[in-house]
Amino acid sequence: MKLVEFLVKQLPTKEAAFTYAITSAGVTHALSAACARGDLPACQCTSNRRRGTSTSEQFEWGGCGEGAYGARLARRFLDARELERDARALMNLHNNRVGRKVVKDLVRRECKCHGVSGSCAVRTCWRALPPFRAAAAALRDRYDRARLVAPRRQPPHHTHLVIVRRQKQNPGVVRVPRKSDLVFLEPSPSYCERDDAVGSFGTHARVCNRTSRGDDGCESLCCGRGYSTVRRVQETKCRCRFHWCCRVSCDTCVARTETHVCN
């Protein structure tokens, strides 16, 4: 918990960017879902409206405009915390917007047909929120492609964020991050080694999965240091039976396990 709090509150890293964005997305999603259920008195649905050039193409909206109300309220709630307008506040506000945008962009129109004998003379359509895991997956993808940025002053008193150029790029080209990009101001510290200053325990002696290609795999988790295999033999009581009266007899079973830990 100490490491998470330090990364989010103190270090303007990719992890902080992701945390702000997914928090914003979560608040937006929860408020939008509550609005659709009618749990928020201040949230009112738009009136039904017909569209189409002919009766065969007509449809009418039902339900609420998912995402819009939740995004507005989430903005008022979360962005209000950024009282300063320094580089960190600009970073947090940008990532908050990314979280709200992900939820709104994933909203899809769903329709149901009405008509005689299965015809679709009229369709009732509504905007449906995506499962929150879809928004989380989209933000996880953006985390991998997050942009390193720096503040740039623009006369008279305006400051905005620009992408830090790579060594081979034209120094005269100034690029701004896209509205869908997560942004951060400083590279992340190494999580491979113990660092008491940030509360990181490192990955020495961490249990890893030898067959996994994911983040829990030994190749990734052990940071290239390799791993050791610990073999254990454990005897346990098994296949126990009750004998009348009054005795319990059990067999002895031997279990062999392998645990892989980072060097």
C-alpha atoms as a PDB file:
ATOM      1  CA  MET A   1       0.000   0.000   0.000  1.00  0.00           C
ATOM      2  CA  LYS A   2       2.887   2.364   0.763  1.00  0.00           C
ATOM      3  CA  LEU A   3       4.291   1.866  -2.737  1.00  0.00           C
ATOM      4  CA  VAL A   4       0.913   2.447  -4.401  1.00  0.00           C
ATOM      5  CA  GLU A   5       0.263   5.618  -2.405  1.00  0.00           C
ATOM      6  CA  PHE A   6       3.748   6.932  -3.150  1.00  0.00           C
ATOM      7  CA  LEU A   7       3.493   6.233  -6.875  1.00  0.00           C
ATOM      8  CA  VAL A   8       0.078   7.836  -7.197  1.00  0.00           C
ATOM      9  CA  LYS A   9       0.535  10.858  -4.938  1.00  0.00           C
ATOM     10  CA  GLN A  10       4.220  11.647  -5.400  1.00  0.00           C
ATOM     11  CA  LEU A  11       5.655  10.190  -8.593  1.00  0.00           C
ATOM     12  CA  PRO A  12       4.134  11.365 -11.917  1.00  0.00           C
ATOM     13  CA  THR A  13       4.739   8.000 -13.604  1.00  0.00           C
ATOM     14  CA  LYS A  14       2.836   5.701 -15.946  1.00  0.00           C
ATOM     15  CA  GLU A  15       1.372   3.922 -12.939  1.00  0.00           C
ATOM     16  CA  ALA A  16      -0.038   7.171 -11.576  1.00  0.00           C
ATOM     17  CA  ALA A  17      -1.434   7.987 -15.026  1.00  0.00           C
ATOM     18  CA  PHE A  18      -3.220   4.628 -15.198  1.00  0.00           C
ATOM     19  CA  THR A  19      -4.554   4.970 -11.641  1.00  0.00           C
ATOM     20  CA  TYR A  20      -6.085   8.380 -12.320  1.00  0.00           C
ATOM     21  CA  ALA A  21      -7.577   7.236 -15.629  1.00  0.00           C
ATOM     22  CA  ILE A  22      -9.143   4.028 -14.338  1.00  0.00           C
ATOM     23  CA  THR A  23     -10.523   5.851 -11.276  1.00  0.00           C
ATOM     24  CA  SER A  24     -12.136   8.411 -13.568  1.00  0.00           C
ATOM     25  CA  ALA A  25     -13.501   5.642 -15.790  1.00  0.00           C
ATOM     26  CA  GLY A  26     -14.878   3.790 -12.770  1.00  0.00           C
ATOM     27  CA  VAL A  27     -16.692   6.849 -11.423  1.00  0.00           C
ATOM     28  CA  THR A  28     -18.065   7.645 -14.890  1.00  0.00           C
ATOM     29  CA  HIS A  29     -19.272   4.072 -15.391  1.00  0.00           C
ATOM     30  CA  ALA A  30     -20.872   3.818 -11.931  1.00  0.00           C
ATOM     31  CA  LEU A  31     -22.700   7.149 -12.246  1.00  0.00           C
ATOM     32  CA  SER A  32     -23.895   6.352 -15.767  1.00  0.00           C
ATOM     33  CA  ALA A  33     -25.229   2.968 -14.642  1.00  0.00           C
ATOM     34  CA  ALA A  34     -26.983   4.580 -11.669  1.00  0.00           C
ATOM     35  CA  CYS A  35     -28.516   7.163 -13.994  1.00  0.00           C
ATOM     36  CA  ALA A  36     -29.832   4.437 -16.306  1.00  0.00           C
ATOM     37  CA  ARG A  37     -31.405   2.601 -13.352  1.00  0.00           C
ATOM     38  CA  GLY A  38     -33.134   5.772 -12.184  1.00  0.00           C
ATOM     39  CA  ASP A  39     -31.203   5.910  -8.923  1.00  0.00           C
ATOM     40  CA  LEU A  40     -30.171   9.559  -9.394  1.00  0.00           C
ATOM     41  CA  PRO A  41     -33.083  12.038  -9.233  1.00  0.00           C
ATOM     42  CA  ALA A  42     -31.061  14.775 -10.949  1.00  0.00           C
ATOM     43  CA  CYS A  43     -30.408  12.561 -13.966  1.00  0.00           C
ATOM     44  CA  GLN A  44     -33.229  12.771 -16.484  1.00  0.00           C
ATOM     45  CA  CYS A  45     -33.531  10.860 -19.717  1.00  0.00           C
ATOM     46  CA  THR A  46     -34.018  12.629 -23.001  1.00  0.00           C
ATOM     47  CA  SER A  47     -37.460  12.448 -24.570  1.00  0.00           C
ATOM     48  CA  ASN A  48     -38.075   9.805 -27.193  1.00  0.00           C
ATOM     49  CA  ARG A  49     -37.481  10.924 -30.745  1.00  0.00           C
ATOM     50  CA  ARG A  50     -38.156   9.318 -34.089  1.00  0.00           C
ATOM     51  CA  ARG A  51     -35.716   9.182 -36.951  1.00  0.00           C
ATOM     52  CA  GLY A  52     -35.706   7.776 -40.455  1.00  0.00           C
ATOM     53  CA  THR A  53     -36.842   8.730 -43.929  1.00  0.00           C
ATOM     54  CA  SER A  54     -39.693   6.217 -44.130  1.00  0.00           C
ATOM     55  CA  THR A  55     -41.887   4.231 -41.800  1.00  0.00           C
ATOM     56  CA  SER A  56     -39.815   1.111 -42.479  1.00  0.00           C
ATOM     57  CA  GLU A  57     -36.698   2.913 -41.246  1.00  0.00           C
ATOM     58  CA  GLN A  58     -38.204   4.577 -38.194  1.00  0.00           C
ATOM     59  CA  PHE A  59     -36.886   3.914 -34.744  1.00  0.00           C
ATOM     60  CA  GLU A  60     -37.447   5.609 -31.425  1.00  0.00           C
ATOM     61  CA  TRP A  61     -34.972   6.100 -28.636  1.00  0.00           C
ATOM     62  CA  GLY A  62     -35.622   4.479 -25.286  1.00  0.00           C
ATOM     63  CA  GLY A  63     -33.686   4.814 -22.067  1.00  0.00           C
ATOM     64  CA  CYS A  64     -30.965   7.349 -21.347  1.00  0.00           C
ATOM     65  CA  GLY A  65     -27.963   8.742 -23.135  1.00  0.00           C
ATOM     66  CA  GLU A  66     -25.471   6.492 -21.383  1.00  0.00           C
ATOM     67  CA  GLY A  67     -22.110   7.941 -20.448  1.00  0.00           C
ATOM     68  CA  ALA A  68     -22.775  11.657 -20.923  1.00  0.00           C
ATOM     69  CA  TYR A  69     -24.262  12.391 -17.502  1.00  0.00           C
ATOM     70  CA  GLY A  70     -21.760  10.176 -15.707  1.00  0.00           C
ATOM     71  CA  ALA A  71     -18.863  11.887 -17.480  1.00  0.00           C
ATOM     72  CA  ARG A  72     -20.103  15.364 -16.544  1.00  0.00           C
ATOM     73  CA  LEU A  73     -20.563  14.472 -12.885  1.00  0.00           C
ATOM     74  CA  ALA A  74     -17.257  12.588 -12.727  1.00  0.00           C
ATOM     75  CA  ARG A  75     -15.505  15.642 -14.125  1.00  0.00           C
ATOM     76  CA  ARG A  76     -17.009  17.912 -11.467  1.00  0.00           C
ATOM     77  CA  PHE A  77     -16.147  15.439  -8.725  1.00  0.00           C
ATOM     78  CA  LEU A  78     -12.588  14.412  -9.667  1.00  0.00           C
ATOM     79  CA  ASP A  79     -11.219  17.442 -11.494  1.00  0.00           C
ATOM     80  CA  ALA A  80     -12.133  19.712  -8.586  1.00  0.00           C
ATOM     81  CA  ARG A  81      -9.253  18.212  -6.597  1.00  0.00           C
ATOM     82  CA  GLU A  82      -6.683  19.753  -8.946  1.00  0.00           C
ATOM     83  CA  LEU A  83      -6.539  23.242  -7.489  1.00  0.00           C
ATOM     84  CA  GLU A  84      -3.097  24.079  -8.831  1.00  0.00           C
ATOM     85  CA  ARG A  85      -2.365  24.418 -12.522  1.00  0.00           C
ATOM     86  CA  ASP A  86       1.170  23.047 -12.463  1.00  0.00           C
ATOM     87  CA  ALA A  87       2.508  20.242 -14.658  1.00  0.00           C
ATOM     88  CA  ARG A  88       1.297  17.481 -12.316  1.00  0.00           C
ATOM     89  CA  ALA A  89      -2.209  18.924 -12.234  1.00  0.00           C
ATOM     90  CA  LEU A  90      -2.246  19.122 -16.046  1.00  0.00           C
ATOM     91  CA  MET A  91      -1.147  15.493 -16.181  1.00  0.00           C
ATOM     92  CA  ASN A  92      -3.867  14.392 -13.749  1.00  0.00           C
ATOM     93  CA  LEU A  93      -6.585  16.350 -15.566  1.00  0.00           C
ATOM     94  CA  HIS A  94      -5.537  14.899 -18.920  1.00  0.00           C
ATOM     95  CA  ASN A  95      -5.611  11.317 -17.605  1.00  0.00           C
ATOM     96  CA  ASN A  96      -8.980  11.951 -15.949  1.00  0.00           C
ATOM     97  CA  ARG A  97     -10.320  12.976 -19.364  1.00  0.00           C
ATOM     98  CA  VAL A  98      -8.885   9.827 -20.934  1.00  0.00           C
ATOM     99  CA  GLY A  99     -10.765   7.681 -18.409  1.00  0.00           C
ATOM    100  CA  ARG A 100     -14.065   9.444 -19.100  1.00  0.00           C
ATOM    101  CA  LYS A 101     -13.510   9.296 -22.853  1.00  0.00           C
ATOM    102  CA  VAL A 102     -12.868   5.541 -22.819  1.00  0.00           C
ATOM    103  CA  VAL A 103     -16.256   4.870 -21.217  1.00  0.00           C
ATOM    104  CA  LYS A 104     -18.116   7.231 -23.574  1.00  0.00           C
ATOM    105  CA  ASP A 105     -16.394   5.819 -26.664  1.00  0.00           C
ATOM    106  CA  LEU A 106     -17.345   2.252 -25.737  1.00  0.00           C
ATOM    107  CA  VAL A 107     -21.067   3.038 -25.462  1.00  0.00           C
ATOM    108  CA  ARG A 108     -22.923   1.196 -28.222  1.00  0.00           C
ATOM    109  CA  ARG A 109     -26.401   1.455 -29.683  1.00  0.00           C
ATOM    110  CA  GLU A 110     -28.619  -1.578 -29.169  1.00  0.00           C
ATOM    111  CA  CYS A 111     -32.031  -1.997 -30.802  1.00  0.00           C
ATOM    112  CA  LYS A 112     -35.092  -4.211 -30.573  1.00  0.00           C
ATOM    113  CA  CYS A 113     -37.553  -4.642 -33.442  1.00  0.00           C
ATOM    114  CA  HIS A 114     -41.338  -4.299 -33.161  1.00  0.00           C
ATOM    115  CA  GLY A 115     -43.750  -5.376 -35.857  1.00  0.00           C
ATOM    116  CA  VAL A 116     -46.222  -7.959 -37.114  1.00  0.00           C
ATOM    117  CA  SER A 117     -44.852 -11.449 -37.755  1.00  0.00           C
ATOM    118  CA  GLY A 118     -41.347 -10.483 -36.785  1.00  0.00           C
ATOM    119  CA  SER A 119     -41.092  -7.495 -39.110  1.00  0.00           C
ATOM    120  CA  CYS A 120     -39.016  -4.502 -38.071  1.00  0.00           C
ATOM    121  CA  ALA A 121     -41.436  -1.655 -38.807  1.00  0.00           C
ATOM    122  CA  VAL A 122     -40.301   0.177 -35.692  1.00  0.00           C
ATOM    123  CA  ARG A 123     -37.178  -0.285 -33.645  1.00  0.00           C
ATOM    124  CA  THR A 124     -36.634   0.799 -30.069  1.00  0.00           C
ATOM    125  CA  CYS A 125     -33.001   1.721 -29.571  1.00  0.00           C
ATOM    126  CA  TRP A 126     -30.967   2.628 -26.540  1.00  0.00           C
ATOM    127  CA  ARG A 127     -27.369   3.355 -25.675  1.00  0.00           C
ATOM    128  CA  ALA A 128     -25.856   0.543 -23.628  1.00  0.00           C
ATOM    129  CA  LEU A 129     -22.882   0.861 -21.319  1.00  0.00           C
ATOM    130  CA  PRO A 130     -20.051  -1.604 -21.903  1.00  0.00           C
ATOM    131  CA  PRO A 131     -18.935  -3.935 -19.105  1.00  0.00           C
ATOM    132  CA  PHE A 132     -16.383  -2.101 -16.986  1.00  0.00           C
ATOM    133  CA  ARG A 133     -13.772  -4.741 -17.808  1.00  0.00           C
ATOM    134  CA  ALA A 134     -13.867  -3.499 -21.413  1.00  0.00           C
ATOM    135  CA  ALA A 135     -12.922   0.001 -20.259  1.00  0.00           C
ATOM    136  CA  ALA A 136     -10.219  -1.428 -17.998  1.00  0.00           C
ATOM    137  CA  ALA A 137      -8.756  -3.454 -20.874  1.00  0.00           C
ATOM    138  CA  ALA A 138      -8.711  -0.376 -23.115  1.00  0.00           C
ATOM    139  CA  LEU A 139      -6.871   1.621 -20.455  1.00  0.00           C
ATOM    140  CA  ARG A 140      -4.416  -1.230 -19.903  1.00  0.00           C
ATOM    141  CA  ASP A 141      -3.568  -1.045 -23.593  1.00  0.00           C
ATOM    142  CA  ARG A 142      -3.089   2.716 -23.321  1.00  0.00           C
ATOM    143  CA  TYR A 143      -0.816   2.192 -20.315  1.00  0.00           C
ATOM    144  CA  ASP A 144       1.576   0.235 -22.511  1.00  0.00           C
ATOM    145  CA  ARG A 145       1.628   3.136 -25.017  1.00  0.00           C
ATOM    146  CA  ALA A 146       1.652   6.024 -22.522  1.00  0.00           C
ATOM    147  CA  ARG A 147       3.473   9.191 -23.592  1.00  0.00           C
ATOM    148  CA  LEU A 148       6.280  10.922 -21.726  1.00  0.00           C
ATOM    149  CA  VAL A 149       5.444  14.635 -21.713  1.00  0.00           C
ATOM    150  CA  ALA A 150       6.840  17.900 -20.403  1.00  0.00           C
ATOM    151  CA  PRO A 151       5.223  21.256 -19.600  1.00  0.00           C
ATOM    152  CA  ARG A 152       5.618  24.009 -22.184  1.00  0.00           C
ATOM    153  CA  ARG A 153       4.773  27.618 -21.459  1.00  0.00           C
ATOM    154  CA  GLN A 154       2.846  29.535 -24.068  1.00  0.00           C
ATOM    155  CA  PRO A 155       2.447  33.325 -23.768  1.00  0.00           C
ATOM    156  CA  PRO A 156       1.018  35.026 -21.947  1.00  0.00           C
ATOM    157  CA  HIS A 157       0.300  32.695 -19.019  1.00  0.00           C
ATOM    158  CA  HIS A 158      -0.777  29.392 -20.551  1.00  0.00           C
ATOM    159  CA  THR A 159       0.988  26.079 -19.947  1.00  0.00           C
ATOM    160  CA  HIS A 160       0.269  22.862 -21.819  1.00  0.00           C
ATOM    161  CA  LEU A 161       1.857  19.424 -22.149  1.00  0.00           C
ATOM    162  CA  VAL A 162       3.953  18.368 -25.133  1.00  0.00           C
ATOM    163  CA  ILE A 163       5.431  14.978 -25.992  1.00  0.00           C
ATOM    164  CA  VAL A 164       9.118  14.661 -25.136  1.00  0.00           C
ATOM    165  CA  ARG A 165      10.841  14.084 -28.452  1.00  0.00           C
ATOM    166  CA  ARG A 166      13.131  11.164 -29.057  1.00  0.00           C
ATOM    167  CA  GLN A 167      16.774  11.675 -29.907  1.00  0.00           C
ATOM    168  CA  LYS A 168      16.372  11.131 -33.651  1.00  0.00           C
ATOM    169  CA  GLN A 169      13.296  13.320 -34.045  1.00  0.00           C
ATOM    170  CA  ASN A 170      13.352  16.802 -35.518  1.00  0.00           C
ATOM    171  CA  PRO A 171      13.969  19.246 -32.639  1.00  0.00           C
ATOM    172  CA  GLY A 172      11.738  21.826 -34.306  1.00  0.00           C
ATOM    173  CA  VAL A 173       8.661  19.578 -34.251  1.00  0.00           C
ATOM    174  CA  VAL A 174       6.414  20.006 -31.205  1.00  0.00           C
ATOM    175  CA  ARG A 175       3.786  17.333 -30.733  1.00  0.00           C
ATOM    176  CA  VAL A 176       0.937  17.321 -28.250  1.00  0.00           C
ATOM    177  CA  PRO A 177      -0.541  14.095 -26.864  1.00  0.00           C
ATOM    178  CA  ARG A 178      -3.781  12.811 -28.309  1.00  0.00           C
ATOM    179  CA  LYS A 179      -6.968  12.912 -26.273  1.00  0.00           C
ATOM    180  CA  SER A 180      -6.789   9.125 -25.948  1.00  0.00           C
ATOM    181  CA  ASP A 181      -3.146   8.985 -24.749  1.00  0.00           C
ATOM    182  CA  LEU A 182      -2.184   8.449 -21.139  1.00  0.00           C
ATOM    183  CA  VAL A 183       0.600  10.862 -20.206  1.00  0.00           C
ATOM    184  CA  PHE A 184       3.297  10.912 -17.528  1.00  0.00           C
ATOM    185  CA  LEU A 185       6.096  13.289 -16.529  1.00  0.00           C
ATOM    186  CA  GLU A 186       8.792  10.963 -15.181  1.00  0.00           C
ATOM    187  CA  PRO A 187       9.936   7.405 -15.997  1.00  0.00           C
ATOM    188  CA  SER A 188       8.958   4.757 -13.471  1.00  0.00           C
ATOM    189  CA  PRO A 189      11.548   3.597 -10.917  1.00  0.00           C
ATOM    190  CA  SER A 190      12.878   0.062 -11.119  1.00  0.00           C
ATOM    191  CA  TYR A 191      10.593  -2.348  -9.328  1.00  0.00           C
ATOM    192  CA  CYS A 192      13.097  -5.196  -9.650  1.00  0.00           C
ATOM    193  CA  GLU A 193      15.276  -4.169  -6.704  1.00  0.00           C
ATOM    194  CA  ARG A 194      14.300  -3.272  -3.170  1.00  0.00           C
ATOM    195  CA  ASP A 195      13.830   0.465  -2.655  1.00  0.00           C
ATOM    196  CA  ASP A 196      12.747   1.487   0.831  1.00  0.00           C
ATOM    197  CA  ALA A 197      12.376   5.113  -0.251  1.00  0.00           C
ATOM    198  CA  VAL A 198       9.336   4.263  -2.372  1.00  0.00           C
ATOM    199  CA  GLY A 199       8.241   1.157  -0.461  1.00  0.00           C
ATOM    200  CA  SER A 200       9.217  -1.327  -3.177  1.00  0.00           C
ATOM    201  CA  PHE A 201      10.196  -4.788  -1.929  1.00  0.00           C
ATOM    202  CA  GLY A 202      11.740  -5.812  -5.241  1.00  0.00           C
ATOM    203  CA  THR A 203      11.206  -9.225  -6.791  1.00  0.00           C
ATOM    204  CA  HIS A 204      13.929 -11.276  -5.086  1.00  0.00           C
ATOM    205  CA  ALA A 205      12.430 -14.497  -3.648  1.00  0.00           C
ATOM    206  CA  ARG A 206       9.092 -13.785  -5.337  1.00  0.00           C
ATOM    207  CA  VAL A 207       7.159 -16.872  -6.420  1.00  0.00           C
ATOM    208  CA  CYS A 208       6.798 -16.961 -10.201  1.00  0.00           C
ATOM    209  CA  ASN A 209       5.073 -19.097 -12.816  1.00  0.00           C
ATOM    210  CA  ARG A 210       7.608 -20.909 -14.982  1.00  0.00           C
ATOM    211  CA  THR A 211       5.178 -21.607 -17.826  1.00  0.00           C
ATOM    212  CA  SER A 212       3.477 -18.214 -17.975  1.00  0.00           C
ATOM    213  CA  ARG A 213       4.273 -15.600 -20.615  1.00  0.00           C
ATOM    214  CA  GLY A 214       2.451 -12.911 -18.638  1.00  0.00           C
ATOM    215  CA  ASP A 215       3.527 -10.561 -15.878  1.00  0.00           C
ATOM    216  CA  ASP A 216       3.564 -13.423 -13.360  1.00  0.00           C
ATOM    217  CA  GLY A 217       6.008 -15.447 -15.476  1.00  0.00           C
ATOM    218  CA  CYS A 218       9.529 -16.037 -14.220  1.00  0.00           C
ATOM    219  CA  GLU A 219      11.040 -14.406 -17.301  1.00  0.00           C
ATOM    220  CA  SER A 220       9.255 -11.123 -16.599  1.00  0.00           C
ATOM    221  CA  LEU A 221       8.959 -11.100 -12.819  1.00  0.00           C
ATOM    222  CA  CYS A 222      12.582 -12.056 -12.118  1.00  0.00           C
ATOM    223  CA  CYS A 223      13.945  -9.184 -14.259  1.00  0.00           C
ATOM    224  CA  GLY A 224      16.406 -11.420 -16.092  1.00  0.00           C
ATOM    225  CA  ARG A 225      18.100 -12.722 -12.916  1.00  0.00           C
ATOM    226  CA  GLY A 226      16.800 -16.252 -13.363  1.00  0.00           C
ATOM    227  CA  TYR A 227      14.923 -18.380 -10.847  1.00  0.00           C
ATOM    228  CA  SER A 228      15.425 -21.342  -8.554  1.00  0.00           C
ATOM    229  CA  THR A 229      13.193 -24.371  -8.194  1.00  0.00           C
ATOM    230  CA  VAL A 230      12.325 -25.568  -4.706  1.00  0.00           C
ATOM    231  CA  ARG A 231      11.083 -29.163  -4.497  1.00  0.00           C
ATOM    232  CA  ARG A 232       9.164 -30.306  -1.464  1.00  0.00           C
ATOM    233  CA  VAL A 233       7.816 -33.662  -0.338  1.00  0.00           C
ATOM    234  CA  GLN A 234       4.902 -33.436   2.063  1.00  0.00           C
ATOM    235  CA  GLU A 235       3.110 -36.285   3.804  1.00  0.00           C
ATOM    236  CA  THR A 236      -0.585 -35.852   4.559  1.00  0.00           C
ATOM    237  CA  LYS A 237      -3.373 -38.036   5.886  1.00  0.00           C
ATOM    238  CA  CYS A 238      -5.789 -39.148   3.175  1.00  0.00           C
ATOM    239  CA  ARG A 239      -8.587 -41.614   2.411  1.00  0.00           C
ATOM    240  CA  CYS A 240      -9.702 -41.602   6.039  1.00  0.00           C
ATOM    241  CA  ARG A 241     -12.307 -44.172   7.134  1.00  0.00           C
ATOM    242  CA  PHE A 242     -14.502 -44.447  10.190  1.00  0.00           C
ATOM    243  CA  HIS A 243     -14.693 -47.845  11.887  1.00  0.00           C
ATOM    244  CA  TRP A 244     -17.495 -48.760  14.273  1.00  0.00           C
ATOM    245  CA  CYS A 245     -16.916 -48.107  17.028  1.00  0.00           C
ATOM    246  CA  CYS A 246     -15.038 -45.763  17.416  1.00  0.00           C
ATOM    247  CA  ARG A 247     -11.888 -45.488  15.377  1.00  0.00           C
ATOM    248  CA  VAL A 248     -10.644 -43.563  12.332  1.00  0.00           C
ATOM    249  CA  SER A 249      -7.910 -44.941  10.137  1.00  0.00           C
ATOM    250  CA  CYS A 250      -6.154 -43.021   7.376  1.00  0.00           C
ATOM    251  CA  ASP A 251      -3.630 -43.738   4.693  1.00  0.00           C
ATOM    252  CA  THR A 252      -0.513 -41.649   4.275  1.00  0.00           C
ATOM    253  CA  CYS A 253      -0.265 -39.829   0.974  1.00  0.00           C
ATOM    254  CA  VAL A 254       2.883 -38.238  -0.368  1.00  0.00           C
ATOM    255  CA  ALA A 255       2.583 -35.006  -2.348  1.00  0.00           C
ATOM    256  CA  ARG A 256       5.497 -33.649  -4.326  1.00  0.00           C
ATOM    257  CA  THR A 257       5.422 -29.966  -5.229  1.00  0.00           C
ATOM    258  CA  GLU A 258       7.653 -27.598  -7.167  1.00  0.00           C
ATOM    259  CA  THR A 259       7.819 -23.888  -6.425  1.00  0.00           C
ATOM    260  CA  HIS A 260       9.779 -21.439  -8.550  1.00  0.00           C
ATOM    261  CA  VAL A 261      11.231 -18.327  -6.899  1.00  0.00           C
ATOM    262  CA  CYS A 262      13.189 -15.425  -8.368  1.00  0.00           C
ATOM    263  CA  ASN A 263      16.918 -15.238  -7.662  1.00  0.00           C
END
